[in-house]
N, C-alpha and C. Protein backbone atom coordinates (compact mmCIF):
# COMPACT_ATOMS: atom_id res chain seq x y z
N MET A 1 179.63 182.46 160.83
CA MET A 1 180.07 181.48 161.77
C MET A 1 179.00 181.20 162.83
N ILE A 2 178.35 182.26 163.30
CA ILE A 2 177.33 182.10 164.33
C ILE A 2 176.13 181.35 163.78
N SER A 3 175.71 181.66 162.57
CA SER A 3 174.56 180.98 162.00
C SER A 3 174.86 179.51 161.76
N GLN A 4 176.09 179.18 161.38
CA GLN A 4 176.47 177.78 161.20
C GLN A 4 176.40 177.06 162.55
N SER A 5 176.85 177.69 163.58
CA SER A 5 176.81 177.09 164.92
C SER A 5 175.37 176.91 165.38
N GLU A 6 174.54 177.89 165.11
CA GLU A 6 173.13 177.78 165.48
C GLU A 6 172.45 176.67 164.68
N ASP A 7 172.76 176.58 163.40
CA ASP A 7 172.20 175.50 162.57
C ASP A 7 172.64 174.14 163.09
N ASP A 8 173.91 174.04 163.47
CA ASP A 8 174.41 172.78 164.01
C ASP A 8 173.68 172.40 165.29
N LYS A 9 173.44 173.39 166.14
CA LYS A 9 172.72 173.12 167.39
C LYS A 9 171.29 172.69 167.11
N LYS A 10 170.64 173.36 166.14
CA LYS A 10 169.28 172.98 165.78
C LYS A 10 169.25 171.55 165.21
N ASN A 11 170.20 171.27 164.34
CA ASN A 11 170.27 169.93 163.77
C ASN A 11 170.53 168.88 164.86
N GLN A 12 171.41 169.21 165.77
CA GLN A 12 171.70 168.28 166.86
C GLN A 12 170.46 168.08 167.73
N ALA A 13 169.72 169.14 167.99
CA ALA A 13 168.50 169.04 168.79
C ALA A 13 167.46 168.17 168.06
N ARG A 14 167.32 168.38 166.76
CA ARG A 14 166.38 167.56 165.97
C ARG A 14 166.79 166.09 165.98
N LEU A 15 168.09 165.87 165.79
CA LEU A 15 168.58 164.49 165.82
C LEU A 15 168.36 163.84 167.19
N GLN A 16 168.58 164.61 168.24
CA GLN A 16 168.35 164.07 169.58
C GLN A 16 166.87 163.75 169.80
N ASP A 17 166.00 164.62 169.31
CA ASP A 17 164.56 164.34 169.40
C ASP A 17 164.21 163.06 168.64
N THR A 18 164.82 162.91 167.47
CA THR A 18 164.57 161.70 166.68
C THR A 18 165.08 160.46 167.42
N VAL A 19 166.25 160.57 167.99
CA VAL A 19 166.81 159.45 168.77
C VAL A 19 165.89 159.12 169.94
N ASN A 20 165.44 160.12 170.65
CA ASN A 20 164.55 159.90 171.80
C ASN A 20 163.25 159.23 171.37
N SER A 21 162.72 159.70 170.24
CA SER A 21 161.49 159.13 169.72
C SER A 21 161.69 157.67 169.34
N LEU A 22 162.78 157.39 168.67
CA LEU A 22 163.06 156.01 168.26
C LEU A 22 163.30 155.10 169.46
N GLU A 23 164.00 155.61 170.47
CA GLU A 23 164.21 154.82 171.68
C GLU A 23 162.89 154.50 172.37
N SER A 24 162.01 155.47 172.37
CA SER A 24 160.68 155.27 172.95
C SER A 24 159.92 154.19 172.18
N LYS A 25 159.98 154.26 170.86
CA LYS A 25 159.31 153.25 170.04
C LYS A 25 159.92 151.87 170.28
N ILE A 26 161.22 151.80 170.44
CA ILE A 26 161.88 150.53 170.71
C ILE A 26 161.37 149.93 172.01
N LYS A 27 161.22 150.76 173.03
CA LYS A 27 160.70 150.27 174.31
C LYS A 27 159.28 149.71 174.16
N VAL A 28 158.47 150.42 173.39
CA VAL A 28 157.10 149.95 173.15
C VAL A 28 157.12 148.63 172.40
N PHE A 29 157.96 148.54 171.37
CA PHE A 29 158.05 147.30 170.59
C PHE A 29 158.54 146.14 171.45
N LYS A 30 159.52 146.39 172.30
CA LYS A 30 160.02 145.33 173.19
C LYS A 30 158.93 144.84 174.12
N LYS A 31 158.15 145.76 174.63
CA LYS A 31 157.03 145.38 175.52
C LYS A 31 156.01 144.54 174.74
N GLN A 32 155.71 144.95 173.52
CA GLN A 32 154.77 144.19 172.69
C GLN A 32 155.31 142.79 172.39
N ILE A 33 156.61 142.69 172.16
CA ILE A 33 157.22 141.38 171.91
C ILE A 33 157.10 140.50 173.14
N GLU A 34 157.38 141.06 174.30
CA GLU A 34 157.26 140.29 175.54
C GLU A 34 155.84 139.79 175.74
N GLN A 35 154.87 140.65 175.50
CA GLN A 35 153.47 140.25 175.64
C GLN A 35 153.10 139.17 174.64
N ALA A 36 153.57 139.33 173.40
CA ALA A 36 153.28 138.32 172.38
C ALA A 36 153.92 136.99 172.73
N GLU A 37 155.13 137.01 173.28
CA GLU A 37 155.79 135.77 173.69
C GLU A 37 155.04 135.10 174.83
N GLU A 38 154.54 135.89 175.77
CA GLU A 38 153.76 135.32 176.87
C GLU A 38 152.48 134.68 176.36
N ILE A 39 151.81 135.36 175.45
CA ILE A 39 150.58 134.81 174.87
C ILE A 39 150.88 133.54 174.08
N ALA A 40 151.97 133.57 173.31
CA ALA A 40 152.35 132.38 172.53
C ALA A 40 152.66 131.21 173.44
N ALA A 41 153.37 131.46 174.54
CA ALA A 41 153.70 130.39 175.48
C ALA A 41 152.43 129.83 176.11
N ALA A 42 151.50 130.69 176.48
CA ALA A 42 150.24 130.24 177.07
C ALA A 42 149.44 129.42 176.06
N ASN A 43 149.39 129.89 174.82
CA ASN A 43 148.65 129.15 173.78
C ASN A 43 149.30 127.81 173.49
N LEU A 44 150.62 127.76 173.47
CA LEU A 44 151.31 126.50 173.23
C LEU A 44 151.03 125.52 174.36
N SER A 45 151.01 126.03 175.58
CA SER A 45 150.70 125.18 176.73
C SER A 45 149.28 124.64 176.63
N LYS A 46 148.33 125.49 176.27
CA LYS A 46 146.94 125.05 176.09
C LYS A 46 146.84 124.01 174.99
N TYR A 47 147.56 124.24 173.88
CA TYR A 47 147.54 123.30 172.77
C TYR A 47 148.06 121.93 173.20
N ARG A 48 149.19 121.94 173.89
CA ARG A 48 149.78 120.67 174.34
C ARG A 48 148.85 119.94 175.30
N ARG A 49 148.26 120.69 176.23
CA ARG A 49 147.33 120.08 177.18
C ARG A 49 146.12 119.50 176.45
N THR A 50 145.59 120.24 175.49
CA THR A 50 144.44 119.77 174.73
C THR A 50 144.80 118.55 173.89
N GLN A 51 146.01 118.55 173.32
CA GLN A 51 146.46 117.41 172.53
C GLN A 51 146.55 116.15 173.40
N ILE A 52 147.06 116.30 174.61
CA ILE A 52 147.14 115.16 175.54
C ILE A 52 145.74 114.67 175.89
N GLU A 53 144.83 115.61 176.16
CA GLU A 53 143.45 115.23 176.47
C GLU A 53 142.80 114.52 175.29
N LEU A 54 143.07 114.98 174.08
CA LEU A 54 142.52 114.34 172.89
C LEU A 54 143.09 112.93 172.73
N ASP A 55 144.38 112.79 172.93
CA ASP A 55 145.00 111.47 172.83
C ASP A 55 144.41 110.51 173.87
N ASP A 56 144.22 111.01 175.09
CA ASP A 56 143.62 110.18 176.15
C ASP A 56 142.18 109.80 175.79
N ALA A 57 141.42 110.74 175.30
CA ALA A 57 140.02 110.47 174.94
C ALA A 57 139.95 109.47 173.78
N THR A 58 140.84 109.61 172.81
CA THR A 58 140.88 108.67 171.69
C THR A 58 141.21 107.27 172.18
N LYS A 59 142.16 107.19 173.09
CA LYS A 59 142.54 105.88 173.65
C LYS A 59 141.36 105.26 174.39
N ARG A 60 140.68 106.06 175.19
CA ARG A 60 139.52 105.54 175.93
C ARG A 60 138.41 105.10 174.97
N ALA A 61 138.20 105.86 173.90
CA ALA A 61 137.17 105.50 172.92
C ALA A 61 137.53 104.19 172.22
N ASP A 62 138.80 104.03 171.87
CA ASP A 62 139.24 102.79 171.24
C ASP A 62 139.06 101.60 172.19
N GLU A 63 139.42 101.80 173.45
CA GLU A 63 139.26 100.73 174.42
C GLU A 63 137.78 100.37 174.60
N ALA A 64 136.92 101.37 174.66
CA ALA A 64 135.49 101.12 174.80
C ALA A 64 134.95 100.39 173.57
N GLU A 65 135.40 100.77 172.40
CA GLU A 65 134.97 100.10 171.18
C GLU A 65 135.42 98.64 171.17
N ASN A 66 136.64 98.39 171.64
CA ASN A 66 137.13 97.01 171.72
C ASN A 66 136.32 96.18 172.71
N ARG A 67 136.01 96.77 173.86
CA ARG A 67 135.18 96.06 174.86
C ARG A 67 133.80 95.76 174.28
N ARG A 68 133.25 96.72 173.57
CA ARG A 68 131.92 96.54 172.96
C ARG A 68 131.95 95.42 171.92
N ALA A 69 132.98 95.41 171.11
CA ALA A 69 133.10 94.37 170.09
C ALA A 69 133.26 92.99 170.74
N LYS A 70 134.07 92.91 171.81
CA LYS A 70 134.23 91.63 172.52
C LYS A 70 132.92 91.18 173.14
N SER A 71 132.19 92.14 173.71
CA SER A 71 130.91 91.81 174.33
C SER A 71 129.92 91.29 173.30
N ARG A 72 129.87 91.93 172.15
CA ARG A 72 128.98 91.47 171.08
C ARG A 72 129.38 90.08 170.59
N ALA A 73 130.67 89.86 170.47
CA ALA A 73 131.14 88.55 170.02
C ALA A 73 130.78 87.48 171.04
N GLN A 74 130.92 87.79 172.32
CA GLN A 74 130.56 86.83 173.36
C GLN A 74 129.06 86.57 173.34
N ASN A 75 128.28 87.60 173.16
CA ASN A 75 126.82 87.43 173.12
C ASN A 75 126.41 86.57 171.92
N ARG A 76 127.05 86.75 170.81
CA ARG A 76 126.73 85.93 169.63
C ARG A 76 127.09 84.46 169.86
N SER A 77 128.20 84.25 170.54
CA SER A 77 128.64 82.87 170.74
C SER A 77 127.81 82.16 171.80
N THR A 78 127.21 82.89 172.72
CA THR A 78 126.40 82.25 173.76
C THR A 78 124.96 82.06 173.34
N VAL A 79 124.52 82.80 172.37
CA VAL A 79 123.15 82.67 171.89
C VAL A 79 123.10 81.49 170.93
N THR A 80 122.26 80.53 171.22
CA THR A 80 122.14 79.37 170.35
C THR A 80 120.99 79.59 169.39
N PRO A 81 121.19 79.31 168.15
CA PRO A 81 120.11 79.50 167.20
C PRO A 81 119.03 78.44 167.41
N GLN A 82 117.79 78.86 167.27
CA GLN A 82 116.67 77.93 167.42
C GLN A 82 116.42 77.20 166.11
N VAL A 83 116.31 75.92 166.23
CA VAL A 83 116.04 75.13 165.04
C VAL A 83 114.58 74.79 165.04
N ASN A 84 113.87 75.02 163.97
CA ASN A 84 112.43 74.72 163.90
C ASN A 84 112.19 73.42 163.25
């Protein structure tokens, strides 16, 4: 009877150690998840900001190209060909 009780106590102590170890690992994993979420949010914010900047730059480039094309067309229409 005594040895069974001692075995039960040892098993309970081992199980408690296992529980404590797993709880500790859970805390570490939760912290890692929080950090990963923060990094993901920061990266998403950077991506969105960069996408907006790219869209703005593309729009400005298109507008500049249109102005250039209009300017060339105006220059062609104002230049009179010389007849020899």
